[in-house]
């Protein structure tokens, strides 16, 4: 049972905050026969804790430099510590903020600690994001030489931090959606593609959402056209190898509302542009997702409009 305190944080903000802190290692876990309990804290580490992390698995020579700096916090001593931690180039940049001002061991440790964490996070980000795309061979070499445990920590930390930032927007988008009630049975393929498009929308993967929306409409049109006696037309498309969404929409115009088919054609066009020409903007993708939901709802709810043959129009 979650313990509530007098706080202005909403559940969404609290979860987002907690995931971010866990990603940064700011948590503790206990376990007994009744289960596990998790504590997440927001306090900053003490100087002793920061010092301990900086010295973890460092050689004795580095430890001695820290001890010397604690006794005499001079600019030369700071430069010496920064050099063994970060190399001469970065040390030269960091030392600038300590030249000509009173020095303090605690401030030096905090600076070193924050810089060390920033470097680790930057390397983690490069490695993880490198897996998501195409990168130069040098990064693959770095990855192959890294310890598996370090890679695992990088992956967990990166995606946990990413989720913590996405979470509030995910919930906002999910809250805007409503259940689509329909009158006719929906095929498994249409359900699967619409659910996939919805997840892409909620997670903010708008390009993927748009492309999957196009597929959902295609499966839905095939399904509903079969239901309304267009099996021969669909078979002809298959025989002629013309089973495109454009051709399905043309058949659909003889059965369904013009506005519905116009919307379907707009989604088709925008998705084709996304695949073949240029990346669409988030607003456009969101708009096409909303239209797709309306199209599918109408296809599985509204009766088709049966058009009279031209000769019967007088």
C-alpha atoms as a PDB file:
ATOM      1  CA  UNK A   1       0.000   0.000   0.000  1.00  0.00           C
ATOM      2  CA  UNK A   2       1.514   3.317  -1.090  1.00  0.00           C
ATOM      3  CA  UNK A   3       2.177   5.819   1.682  1.00  0.00           C
ATOM      4  CA  UNK A   4       0.856   9.279   0.895  1.00  0.00           C
ATOM      5  CA  UNK A   5       2.246  12.471   2.308  1.00  0.00           C
ATOM      6  CA  UNK A   6       1.145  16.084   2.074  1.00  0.00           C
ATOM      7  CA  UNK A   7       2.638  16.901  -1.300  1.00  0.00           C
ATOM      8  CA  UNK A   8       1.719  18.909  -4.363  1.00  0.00           C
ATOM      9  CA  UNK A   9       3.032  16.141  -6.597  1.00  0.00           C
ATOM     10  CA  UNK A  10       0.519  14.180  -8.622  1.00  0.00           C
ATOM     11  CA  UNK A  11       0.834  10.422  -9.095  1.00  0.00           C
ATOM     12  CA  UNK A  12       2.262  11.016 -12.575  1.00  0.00           C
ATOM     13  CA  UNK A  13       4.890  13.446 -11.322  1.00  0.00           C
ATOM     14  CA  UNK A  14       5.783  11.143  -8.435  1.00  0.00           C
ATOM     15  CA  UNK A  15       6.289   8.099 -10.660  1.00  0.00           C
ATOM     16  CA  UNK A  16       8.317  10.132 -13.146  1.00  0.00           C
ATOM     17  CA  UNK A  17      10.488  11.494 -10.330  1.00  0.00           C
ATOM     18  CA  UNK A  18      10.970   8.061  -8.752  1.00  0.00           C
ATOM     19  CA  UNK A  19      11.995   6.376 -12.012  1.00  0.00           C
ATOM     20  CA  UNK A  20      14.528   9.130 -12.681  1.00  0.00           C
ATOM     21  CA  UNK A  21      16.032   8.808  -9.188  1.00  0.00           C
ATOM     22  CA  UNK A  22      16.195   5.017  -9.503  1.00  0.00           C
ATOM     23  CA  UNK A  23      17.969   5.426 -12.850  1.00  0.00           C
ATOM     24  CA  UNK A  24      20.554   7.566 -11.047  1.00  0.00           C
ATOM     25  CA  UNK A  25      21.015   4.940  -8.336  1.00  0.00           C
ATOM     26  CA  UNK A  26      19.325   7.028  -5.638  1.00  0.00           C
ATOM     27  CA  UNK A  27      17.385   4.190  -3.995  1.00  0.00           C
ATOM     28  CA  UNK A  28      17.616   1.350  -1.517  1.00  0.00           C
ATOM     29  CA  UNK A  29      15.804  -1.992  -1.293  1.00  0.00           C
ATOM     30  CA  UNK A  30      15.087  -4.266   1.628  1.00  0.00           C
ATOM     31  CA  UNK A  31      13.593  -7.738   1.466  1.00  0.00           C
ATOM     32  CA  UNK A  32      12.071 -10.098   4.024  1.00  0.00           C
ATOM     33  CA  UNK A  33       9.448 -12.847   4.127  1.00  0.00           C
ATOM     34  CA  UNK A  34       6.704 -10.292   3.473  1.00  0.00           C
ATOM     35  CA  UNK A  35       8.275  -9.075   0.241  1.00  0.00           C
ATOM     36  CA  UNK A  36      10.428  -6.207  -0.889  1.00  0.00           C
ATOM     37  CA  UNK A  37      10.332  -2.542   0.063  1.00  0.00           C
ATOM     38  CA  UNK A  38      11.818   0.236  -2.011  1.00  0.00           C
ATOM     39  CA  UNK A  39      13.029   3.621  -0.775  1.00  0.00           C
ATOM     40  CA  UNK A  40      13.727   6.420  -3.240  1.00  0.00           C
ATOM     41  CA  UNK A  41      15.480   9.521  -1.968  1.00  0.00           C
ATOM     42  CA  UNK A  42      16.056  13.026  -3.261  1.00  0.00           C
ATOM     43  CA  UNK A  43      18.882  14.092  -1.014  1.00  0.00           C
ATOM     44  CA  UNK A  44      22.237  14.954  -2.482  1.00  0.00           C
ATOM     45  CA  UNK A  45      25.164  12.700  -1.540  1.00  0.00           C
ATOM     46  CA  UNK A  46      27.473  13.868   1.200  1.00  0.00           C
ATOM     47  CA  UNK A  47      31.070  14.892   0.538  1.00  0.00           C
ATOM     48  CA  UNK A  48      32.207  11.571   2.015  1.00  0.00           C
ATOM     49  CA  UNK A  49      29.886   9.634  -0.311  1.00  0.00           C
ATOM     50  CA  UNK A  50      31.024  11.586  -3.361  1.00  0.00           C
ATOM     51  CA  UNK A  51      34.644  11.075  -2.376  1.00  0.00           C
ATOM     52  CA  UNK A  52      34.011   7.354  -1.929  1.00  0.00           C
ATOM     53  CA  UNK A  53      32.551   7.011  -5.418  1.00  0.00           C
ATOM     54  CA  UNK A  54      35.391   8.962  -6.978  1.00  0.00           C
ATOM     55  CA  UNK A  55      37.975   6.740  -5.263  1.00  0.00           C
ATOM     56  CA  UNK A  56      36.173   3.448  -5.931  1.00  0.00           C
ATOM     57  CA  UNK A  57      38.657   1.001  -7.509  1.00  0.00           C
ATOM     58  CA  UNK A  58      41.233   3.764  -7.975  1.00  0.00           C
ATOM     59  CA  UNK A  59      44.934   2.983  -7.370  1.00  0.00           C
ATOM     60  CA  UNK A  60      46.580   4.024  -4.104  1.00  0.00           C
ATOM     61  CA  UNK A  61      48.452   6.850  -5.847  1.00  0.00           C
ATOM     62  CA  UNK A  62      45.162   8.568  -6.624  1.00  0.00           C
ATOM     63  CA  UNK A  63      43.992   8.118  -3.054  1.00  0.00           C
ATOM     64  CA  UNK A  64      47.149   9.815  -1.827  1.00  0.00           C
ATOM     65  CA  UNK A  65      46.510  12.816  -4.087  1.00  0.00           C
ATOM     66  CA  UNK A  66      43.049  13.196  -2.525  1.00  0.00           C
ATOM     67  CA  UNK A  67      44.543  13.055   0.962  1.00  0.00           C
ATOM     68  CA  UNK A  68      47.109  15.695   0.043  1.00  0.00           C
ATOM     69  CA  UNK A  69      44.379  17.913  -1.416  1.00  0.00           C
ATOM     70  CA  UNK A  70      42.314  17.578   1.749  1.00  0.00           C
ATOM     71  CA  UNK A  71      45.265  18.852   3.796  1.00  0.00           C
ATOM     72  CA  UNK A  72      46.158  21.641   1.375  1.00  0.00           C
ATOM     73  CA  UNK A  73      43.461  22.621  -1.115  1.00  0.00           C
ATOM     74  CA  UNK A  74      45.656  24.554  -3.538  1.00  0.00           C
ATOM     75  CA  UNK A  75      45.201  25.172  -7.249  1.00  0.00           C
ATOM     76  CA  UNK A  76      48.154  22.878  -8.006  1.00  0.00           C
ATOM     77  CA  UNK A  77      46.625  20.166  -5.851  1.00  0.00           C
ATOM     78  CA  UNK A  78      43.260  20.532  -7.589  1.00  0.00           C
ATOM     79  CA  UNK A  79      44.953  20.350 -10.993  1.00  0.00           C
ATOM     80  CA  UNK A  80      46.769  17.184  -9.943  1.00  0.00           C
ATOM     81  CA  UNK A  81      43.535  15.470  -8.815  1.00  0.00           C
ATOM     82  CA  UNK A  82      41.584  16.566 -11.896  1.00  0.00           C
ATOM     83  CA  UNK A  83      44.410  15.371 -14.171  1.00  0.00           C
ATOM     84  CA  UNK A  84      44.383  11.802 -12.822  1.00  0.00           C
ATOM     85  CA  UNK A  85      40.587  11.711 -12.971  1.00  0.00           C
ATOM     86  CA  UNK A  86      39.909  13.353 -16.331  1.00  0.00           C
ATOM     87  CA  UNK A  87      43.173  13.834 -18.193  1.00  0.00           C
ATOM     88  CA  UNK A  88      45.226  16.955 -18.750  1.00  0.00           C
ATOM     89  CA  UNK A  89      42.972  18.631 -21.335  1.00  0.00           C
ATOM     90  CA  UNK A  90      39.722  18.468 -19.385  1.00  0.00           C
ATOM     91  CA  UNK A  91      41.554  19.204 -16.134  1.00  0.00           C
ATOM     92  CA  UNK A  92      42.885  22.425 -17.663  1.00  0.00           C
ATOM     93  CA  UNK A  93      39.340  23.483 -18.506  1.00  0.00           C
ATOM     94  CA  UNK A  94      37.917  22.611 -15.093  1.00  0.00           C
ATOM     95  CA  UNK A  95      40.682  24.319 -13.135  1.00  0.00           C
ATOM     96  CA  UNK A  96      39.804  27.719 -14.622  1.00  0.00           C
ATOM     97  CA  UNK A  97      36.904  28.169 -12.197  1.00  0.00           C
ATOM     98  CA  UNK A  98      39.278  27.768  -9.207  1.00  0.00           C
ATOM     99  CA  UNK A  99      42.014  30.194 -10.294  1.00  0.00           C
ATOM    100  CA  UNK A 100      42.122  33.465  -8.342  1.00  0.00           C
ATOM    101  CA  UNK A 101      39.309  32.552  -5.925  1.00  0.00           C
ATOM    102  CA  UNK A 102      39.302  30.964  -2.465  1.00  0.00           C
ATOM    103  CA  UNK A 103      39.386  27.172  -2.765  1.00  0.00           C
ATOM    104  CA  UNK A 104      37.397  24.665  -0.760  1.00  0.00           C
ATOM    105  CA  UNK A 105      37.892  20.876  -0.673  1.00  0.00           C
ATOM    106  CA  UNK A 106      34.145  20.220  -0.531  1.00  0.00           C
ATOM    107  CA  UNK A 107      33.507  22.311  -3.669  1.00  0.00           C
ATOM    108  CA  UNK A 108      36.349  20.580  -5.499  1.00  0.00           C
ATOM    109  CA  UNK A 109      34.939  17.137  -4.659  1.00  0.00           C
ATOM    110  CA  UNK A 110      31.443  18.183  -5.741  1.00  0.00           C
ATOM    111  CA  UNK A 111      32.820  19.523  -9.040  1.00  0.00           C
ATOM    112  CA  UNK A 112      34.785  16.338  -9.672  1.00  0.00           C
ATOM    113  CA  UNK A 113      31.819  14.161  -8.727  1.00  0.00           C
ATOM    114  CA  UNK A 114      29.393  15.996 -11.034  1.00  0.00           C
ATOM    115  CA  UNK A 115      31.879  15.968 -13.895  1.00  0.00           C
ATOM    116  CA  UNK A 116      32.558  12.266 -13.426  1.00  0.00           C
ATOM    117  CA  UNK A 117      28.838  11.461 -13.488  1.00  0.00           C
ATOM    118  CA  UNK A 118      28.308  13.645 -16.550  1.00  0.00           C
ATOM    119  CA  UNK A 119      31.078  11.820 -18.415  1.00  0.00           C
ATOM    120  CA  UNK A 120      29.691   8.419 -17.475  1.00  0.00           C
ATOM    121  CA  UNK A 121      26.196   9.423 -18.585  1.00  0.00           C
ATOM    122  CA  UNK A 122      27.552  10.803 -21.850  1.00  0.00           C
ATOM    123  CA  UNK A 123      29.395   7.555 -22.632  1.00  0.00           C
ATOM    124  CA  UNK A 124      26.304   5.545 -21.691  1.00  0.00           C
ATOM    125  CA  UNK A 125      24.169   7.709 -23.959  1.00  0.00           C
ATOM    126  CA  UNK A 126      26.573   7.308 -26.883  1.00  0.00           C
ATOM    127  CA  UNK A 127      26.679   3.533 -26.492  1.00  0.00           C
ATOM    128  CA  UNK A 128      22.936   3.035 -26.112  1.00  0.00           C
ATOM    129  CA  UNK A 129      21.881   5.491 -28.799  1.00  0.00           C
ATOM    130  CA  UNK A 130      24.554   4.012 -31.035  1.00  0.00           C
ATOM    131  CA  UNK A 131      22.648   0.730 -30.973  1.00  0.00           C
ATOM    132  CA  UNK A 132      19.505   2.444 -32.209  1.00  0.00           C
ATOM    133  CA  UNK A 133      21.012   3.660 -35.476  1.00  0.00           C
ATOM    134  CA  UNK A 134      24.049   3.359 -37.744  1.00  0.00           C
ATOM    135  CA  UNK A 135      27.364   4.510 -36.314  1.00  0.00           C
ATOM    136  CA  UNK A 136      31.066   4.606 -37.148  1.00  0.00           C
ATOM    137  CA  UNK A 137      33.084   1.451 -36.491  1.00  0.00           C
ATOM    138  CA  UNK A 138      34.975   3.143 -33.655  1.00  0.00           C
ATOM    139  CA  UNK A 139      31.926   3.081 -31.418  1.00  0.00           C
ATOM    140  CA  UNK A 140      31.436  -0.620 -32.106  1.00  0.00           C
ATOM    141  CA  UNK A 141      35.043  -1.166 -31.037  1.00  0.00           C
ATOM    142  CA  UNK A 142      34.384   0.658 -27.766  1.00  0.00           C
ATOM    143  CA  UNK A 143      31.297  -1.469 -27.200  1.00  0.00           C
ATOM    144  CA  UNK A 144      33.142  -4.728 -27.851  1.00  0.00           C
ATOM    145  CA  UNK A 145      35.801  -3.769 -25.306  1.00  0.00           C
ATOM    146  CA  UNK A 146      33.373  -2.793 -22.575  1.00  0.00           C
ATOM    147  CA  UNK A 147      32.411  -5.118 -19.741  1.00  0.00           C
ATOM    148  CA  UNK A 148      28.954  -6.688 -20.196  1.00  0.00           C
ATOM    149  CA  UNK A 149      28.003  -5.444 -16.724  1.00  0.00           C
ATOM    150  CA  UNK A 150      28.835  -1.876 -17.733  1.00  0.00           C
ATOM    151  CA  UNK A 151      26.737  -2.175 -20.889  1.00  0.00           C
ATOM    152  CA  UNK A 152      23.821  -3.520 -18.873  1.00  0.00           C
ATOM    153  CA  UNK A 153      24.035  -0.602 -16.443  1.00  0.00           C
ATOM    154  CA  UNK A 154      24.191   1.831 -19.369  1.00  0.00           C
ATOM    155  CA  UNK A 155      21.116   0.339 -21.045  1.00  0.00           C
ATOM    156  CA  UNK A 156      19.067   0.249 -17.833  1.00  0.00           C
ATOM    157  CA  UNK A 157      20.056   3.772 -16.804  1.00  0.00           C
ATOM    158  CA  UNK A 158      19.481   5.305 -20.239  1.00  0.00           C
ATOM    159  CA  UNK A 159      16.030   3.876 -20.850  1.00  0.00           C
ATOM    160  CA  UNK A 160      14.838   4.376 -17.291  1.00  0.00           C
ATOM    161  CA  UNK A 161      15.804   8.052 -17.550  1.00  0.00           C
ATOM    162  CA  UNK A 162      14.128   8.300 -20.954  1.00  0.00           C
ATOM    163  CA  UNK A 163      10.913   6.730 -19.652  1.00  0.00           C
ATOM    164  CA  UNK A 164      10.863   9.097 -16.662  1.00  0.00           C
ATOM    165  CA  UNK A 165      10.880  12.068 -19.060  1.00  0.00           C
ATOM    166  CA  UNK A 166       8.312  10.522 -21.417  1.00  0.00           C
ATOM    167  CA  UNK A 167       5.939   9.327 -18.712  1.00  0.00           C
ATOM    168  CA  UNK A 168       3.978  12.567 -18.060  1.00  0.00           C
ATOM    169  CA  UNK A 169       3.406  13.087 -21.792  1.00  0.00           C
ATOM    170  CA  UNK A 170       2.470   9.433 -22.237  1.00  0.00           C
ATOM    171  CA  UNK A 171      -0.206   9.701 -19.572  1.00  0.00           C
ATOM    172  CA  UNK A 172      -1.517  12.972 -21.009  1.00  0.00           C
ATOM    173  CA  UNK A 173      -1.907  11.422 -24.458  1.00  0.00           C
ATOM    174  CA  UNK A 174      -3.471   8.248 -23.034  1.00  0.00           C
ATOM    175  CA  UNK A 175      -5.975  10.288 -21.025  1.00  0.00           C
ATOM    176  CA  UNK A 176      -7.134  12.034 -24.186  1.00  0.00           C
ATOM    177  CA  UNK A 177      -8.170   8.754 -25.819  1.00  0.00           C
ATOM    178  CA  UNK A 178     -11.625   7.256 -25.455  1.00  0.00           C
ATOM    179  CA  UNK A 179     -13.080   3.782 -26.055  1.00  0.00           C
ATOM    180  CA  UNK A 180     -14.351   3.387 -29.614  1.00  0.00           C
ATOM    181  CA  UNK A 181     -17.665   1.558 -29.508  1.00  0.00           C
ATOM    182  CA  UNK A 182     -18.564  -0.253 -32.758  1.00  0.00           C
ATOM    183  CA  UNK A 183     -21.520  -2.291 -33.969  1.00  0.00           C
ATOM    184  CA  UNK A 184     -19.812  -4.942 -36.106  1.00  0.00           C
ATOM    185  CA  UNK A 185     -17.148  -7.571 -35.271  1.00  0.00           C
ATOM    186  CA  UNK A 186     -13.603  -6.311 -35.845  1.00  0.00           C
ATOM    187  CA  UNK A 187     -10.979  -8.590 -37.370  1.00  0.00           C
ATOM    188  CA  UNK A 188      -7.921  -9.575 -35.327  1.00  0.00           C
ATOM    189  CA  UNK A 189      -5.619  -7.859 -37.827  1.00  0.00           C
ATOM    190  CA  UNK A 190      -7.427  -4.520 -37.523  1.00  0.00           C
ATOM    191  CA  UNK A 191      -7.462  -4.766 -33.717  1.00  0.00           C
ATOM    192  CA  UNK A 192      -3.743  -5.561 -33.653  1.00  0.00           C
ATOM    193  CA  UNK A 193      -2.749  -2.703 -35.953  1.00  0.00           C
ATOM    194  CA  UNK A 194      -4.939  -0.152 -34.210  1.00  0.00           C
ATOM    195  CA  UNK A 195      -3.598  -1.185 -30.804  1.00  0.00           C
ATOM    196  CA  UNK A 196      -0.047  -0.928 -32.181  1.00  0.00           C
ATOM    197  CA  UNK A 197      -0.760   2.522 -33.615  1.00  0.00           C
ATOM    198  CA  UNK A 198      -2.277   3.586 -30.288  1.00  0.00           C
ATOM    199  CA  UNK A 199       0.811   2.469 -28.374  1.00  0.00           C
ATOM    200  CA  UNK A 200       3.042   4.312 -30.849  1.00  0.00           C
ATOM    201  CA  UNK A 201       0.922   7.437 -30.294  1.00  0.00           C
ATOM    202  CA  UNK A 202       1.010   7.146 -26.498  1.00  0.00           C
ATOM    203  CA  UNK A 203       4.788   6.631 -26.500  1.00  0.00           C
ATOM    204  CA  UNK A 204       5.293   9.567 -28.860  1.00  0.00           C
ATOM    205  CA  UNK A 205       6.553   7.499 -31.808  1.00  0.00           C
ATOM    206  CA  UNK A 206       4.493   9.526 -34.237  1.00  0.00           C
ATOM    207  CA  UNK A 207       6.077   8.481 -37.545  1.00  0.00           C
ATOM    208  CA  UNK A 208       5.623   4.811 -36.684  1.00  0.00           C
ATOM    209  CA  UNK A 209       2.073   5.620 -35.573  1.00  0.00           C
ATOM    210  CA  UNK A 210       1.253   7.178 -38.941  1.00  0.00           C
ATOM    211  CA  UNK A 211       2.639   4.243 -40.941  1.00  0.00           C
ATOM    212  CA  UNK A 212       0.770   1.684 -38.818  1.00  0.00           C
ATOM    213  CA  UNK A 213      -2.429   3.741 -39.126  1.00  0.00           C
ATOM    214  CA  UNK A 214      -2.240   3.293 -42.881  1.00  0.00           C
ATOM    215  CA  UNK A 215      -1.992  -0.490 -42.462  1.00  0.00           C
ATOM    216  CA  UNK A 216      -4.935  -0.544 -40.043  1.00  0.00           C
ATOM    217  CA  UNK A 217      -7.123   1.244 -42.613  1.00  0.00           C
ATOM    218  CA  UNK A 218      -6.034  -1.150 -45.349  1.00  0.00           C
ATOM    219  CA  UNK A 219      -6.930  -4.236 -43.302  1.00  0.00           C
ATOM    220  CA  UNK A 220     -10.221  -2.655 -42.247  1.00  0.00           C
ATOM    221  CA  UNK A 221     -11.246  -1.814 -45.806  1.00  0.00           C
ATOM    222  CA  UNK A 222     -10.526  -5.358 -46.985  1.00  0.00           C
ATOM    223  CA  UNK A 223     -12.523  -6.730 -44.084  1.00  0.00           C
ATOM    224  CA  UNK A 224     -15.533  -4.461 -44.530  1.00  0.00           C
ATOM    225  CA  UNK A 225     -15.604  -4.658 -48.334  1.00  0.00           C
ATOM    226  CA  UNK A 226     -15.773  -8.431 -48.083  1.00  0.00           C
ATOM    227  CA  UNK A 227     -18.651  -8.056 -45.653  1.00  0.00           C
ATOM    228  CA  UNK A 228     -20.489  -5.836 -48.164  1.00  0.00           C
ATOM    229  CA  UNK A 229     -20.220  -8.177 -51.130  1.00  0.00           C
ATOM    230  CA  UNK A 230     -17.090  -6.856 -52.821  1.00  0.00           C
ATOM    231  CA  UNK A 231     -15.242 -10.197 -52.880  1.00  0.00           C
ATOM    232  CA  UNK A 232     -15.120 -10.239 -56.694  1.00  0.00           C
ATOM    233  CA  UNK A 233     -13.618  -6.747 -56.856  1.00  0.00           C
ATOM    234  CA  UNK A 234     -11.017  -7.638 -54.227  1.00  0.00           C
ATOM    235  CA  UNK A 235     -10.119 -10.843 -56.045  1.00  0.00           C
ATOM    236  CA  UNK A 236      -9.693  -8.870 -59.271  1.00  0.00           C
ATOM    237  CA  UNK A 237      -7.259  -6.522 -57.513  1.00  0.00           C
ATOM    238  CA  UNK A 238      -5.321  -9.542 -56.279  1.00  0.00           C
ATOM    239  CA  UNK A 239      -5.254 -11.132 -59.734  1.00  0.00           C
ATOM    240  CA  UNK A 240      -4.086  -7.839 -61.268  1.00  0.00           C
ATOM    241  CA  UNK A 241      -1.543  -7.337 -58.464  1.00  0.00           C
ATOM    242  CA  UNK A 242      -3.094  -3.982 -57.613  1.00  0.00           C
ATOM    243  CA  UNK A 243      -3.888  -4.538 -53.927  1.00  0.00           C
ATOM    244  CA  UNK A 244      -2.890  -1.015 -52.943  1.00  0.00           C
ATOM    245  CA  UNK A 245      -4.717   1.123 -50.435  1.00  0.00           C
ATOM    246  CA  UNK A 246      -5.483   3.571 -53.236  1.00  0.00           C
ATOM    247  CA  UNK A 247      -7.369   0.866 -55.146  1.00  0.00           C
ATOM    248  CA  UNK A 248      -9.198  -0.247 -52.003  1.00  0.00           C
ATOM    249  CA  UNK A 249     -10.311   3.328 -51.367  1.00  0.00           C
ATOM    250  CA  UNK A 250     -11.614   3.548 -54.946  1.00  0.00           C
ATOM    251  CA  UNK A 251     -13.814   0.503 -54.308  1.00  0.00           C
ATOM    252  CA  UNK A 252     -14.723   1.876 -50.893  1.00  0.00           C
ATOM    253  CA  UNK A 253     -16.101   5.033 -52.511  1.00  0.00           C
ATOM    254  CA  UNK A 254     -18.832   2.920 -54.102  1.00  0.00           C
ATOM    255  CA  UNK A 255     -19.957   1.719 -50.681  1.00  0.00           C
ATOM    256  CA  UNK A 256     -18.957   4.063 -47.847  1.00  0.00           C
ATOM    257  CA  UNK A 257     -19.382   7.740 -47.010  1.00  0.00           C
ATOM    258  CA  UNK A 258     -17.334  10.107 -49.183  1.00  0.00           C
ATOM    259  CA  UNK A 259     -15.958  11.958 -46.153  1.00  0.00           C
ATOM    260  CA  UNK A 260     -14.728   8.699 -44.646  1.00  0.00           C
ATOM    261  CA  UNK A 261     -12.915   7.698 -47.834  1.00  0.00           C
ATOM    262  CA  UNK A 262     -11.493  11.212 -48.233  1.00  0.00           C
ATOM    263  CA  UNK A 263     -10.011  10.923 -44.748  1.00  0.00           C
ATOM    264  CA  UNK A 264      -8.643   7.461 -45.554  1.00  0.00           C
ATOM    265  CA  UNK A 265      -6.984   8.849 -48.685  1.00  0.00           C
ATOM    266  CA  UNK A 266      -5.443  11.687 -46.682  1.00  0.00           C
ATOM    267  CA  UNK A 267      -3.922   9.209 -44.202  1.00  0.00           C
ATOM    268  CA  UNK A 268      -2.659   7.141 -47.155  1.00  0.00           C
ATOM    269  CA  UNK A 269      -1.015  10.184 -48.748  1.00  0.00           C
ATOM    270  CA  UNK A 270       0.593  11.425 -45.525  1.00  0.00           C
ATOM    271  CA  UNK A 271       1.916   7.947 -44.696  1.00  0.00           C
ATOM    272  CA  UNK A 272       3.366   7.546 -48.204  1.00  0.00           C
ATOM    273  CA  UNK A 273       5.129  10.908 -47.866  1.00  0.00           C
ATOM    274  CA  UNK A 274       6.523   9.832 -44.497  1.00  0.00           C
ATOM    275  CA  UNK A 275       7.914   6.625 -45.988  1.00  0.00           C
ATOM    276  CA  UNK A 276       9.216   7.961 -49.293  1.00  0.00           C
ATOM    277  CA  UNK A 277       9.765  11.703 -49.042  1.00  0.00           C
ATOM    278  CA  UNK A 278      10.072  13.634 -45.798  1.00  0.00           C
ATOM    279  CA  UNK A 279       9.593  13.233 -42.076  1.00  0.00           C
ATOM    280  CA  UNK A 280       6.173  14.544 -40.996  1.00  0.00           C
ATOM    281  CA  UNK A 281       5.725  16.789 -37.987  1.00  0.00           C
ATOM    282  CA  UNK A 282       4.223  15.535 -34.712  1.00  0.00           C
ATOM    283  CA  UNK A 283       1.055  17.604 -35.157  1.00  0.00           C
ATOM    284  CA  UNK A 284       0.388  16.070 -38.553  1.00  0.00           C
ATOM    285  CA  UNK A 285       0.939  12.551 -37.214  1.00  0.00           C
ATOM    286  CA  UNK A 286      -1.382  13.197 -34.277  1.00  0.00           C
ATOM    287  CA  UNK A 287      -4.047  14.521 -36.633  1.00  0.00           C
ATOM    288  CA  UNK A 288      -3.808  11.431 -38.853  1.00  0.00           C
ATOM    289  CA  UNK A 289      -4.063   9.150 -35.805  1.00  0.00           C
ATOM    290  CA  UNK A 290      -7.270  10.880 -34.730  1.00  0.00           C
ATOM    291  CA  UNK A 291      -8.646  10.565 -38.273  1.00  0.00           C
ATOM    292  CA  UNK A 292      -7.717   6.887 -38.415  1.00  0.00           C
ATOM    293  CA  UNK A 293      -9.680   6.175 -35.248  1.00  0.00           C
ATOM    294  CA  UNK A 294     -12.659   7.990 -36.751  1.00  0.00           C
ATOM    295  CA  UNK A 295     -12.354   6.079 -40.027  1.00  0.00           C
ATOM    296  CA  UNK A 296     -12.241   2.692 -38.331  1.00  0.00           C
ATOM    297  CA  UNK A 297     -15.086   3.595 -36.007  1.00  0.00           C
ATOM    298  CA  UNK A 298     -17.246   4.582 -38.964  1.00  0.00           C
ATOM    299  CA  UNK A 299     -16.332   1.518 -41.025  1.00  0.00           C
ATOM    300  CA  UNK A 300     -17.401  -0.789 -38.212  1.00  0.00           C
ATOM    301  CA  UNK A 301     -20.437   1.223 -37.103  1.00  0.00           C
ATOM    302  CA  UNK A 302     -22.089   3.236 -39.837  1.00  0.00           C
ATOM    303  CA  UNK A 303     -24.116   1.493 -42.531  1.00  0.00           C
ATOM    304  CA  UNK A 304     -22.574   1.971 -45.977  1.00  0.00           C
ATOM    305  CA  UNK A 305     -24.092   4.381 -48.441  1.00  0.00           C
ATOM    306  CA  UNK A 306     -25.423   2.358 -51.351  1.00  0.00           C
ATOM    307  CA  UNK A 307     -25.189   4.471 -54.461  1.00  0.00           C
ATOM    308  CA  UNK A 308     -27.733   4.118 -57.252  1.00  0.00           C
ATOM    309  CA  UNK A 309     -26.552   3.158 -60.742  1.00  0.00           C
ATOM    310  CA  UNK A 310     -26.059   6.202 -63.007  1.00  0.00           C
ATOM    311  CA  UNK A 311     -29.093   5.255 -65.144  1.00  0.00           C
ATOM    312  CA  UNK A 312     -31.375   5.428 -62.081  1.00  0.00           C
ATOM    313  CA  UNK A 313     -30.443   9.029 -61.340  1.00  0.00           C
ATOM    314  CA  UNK A 314     -32.648  10.222 -64.161  1.00  0.00           C
END
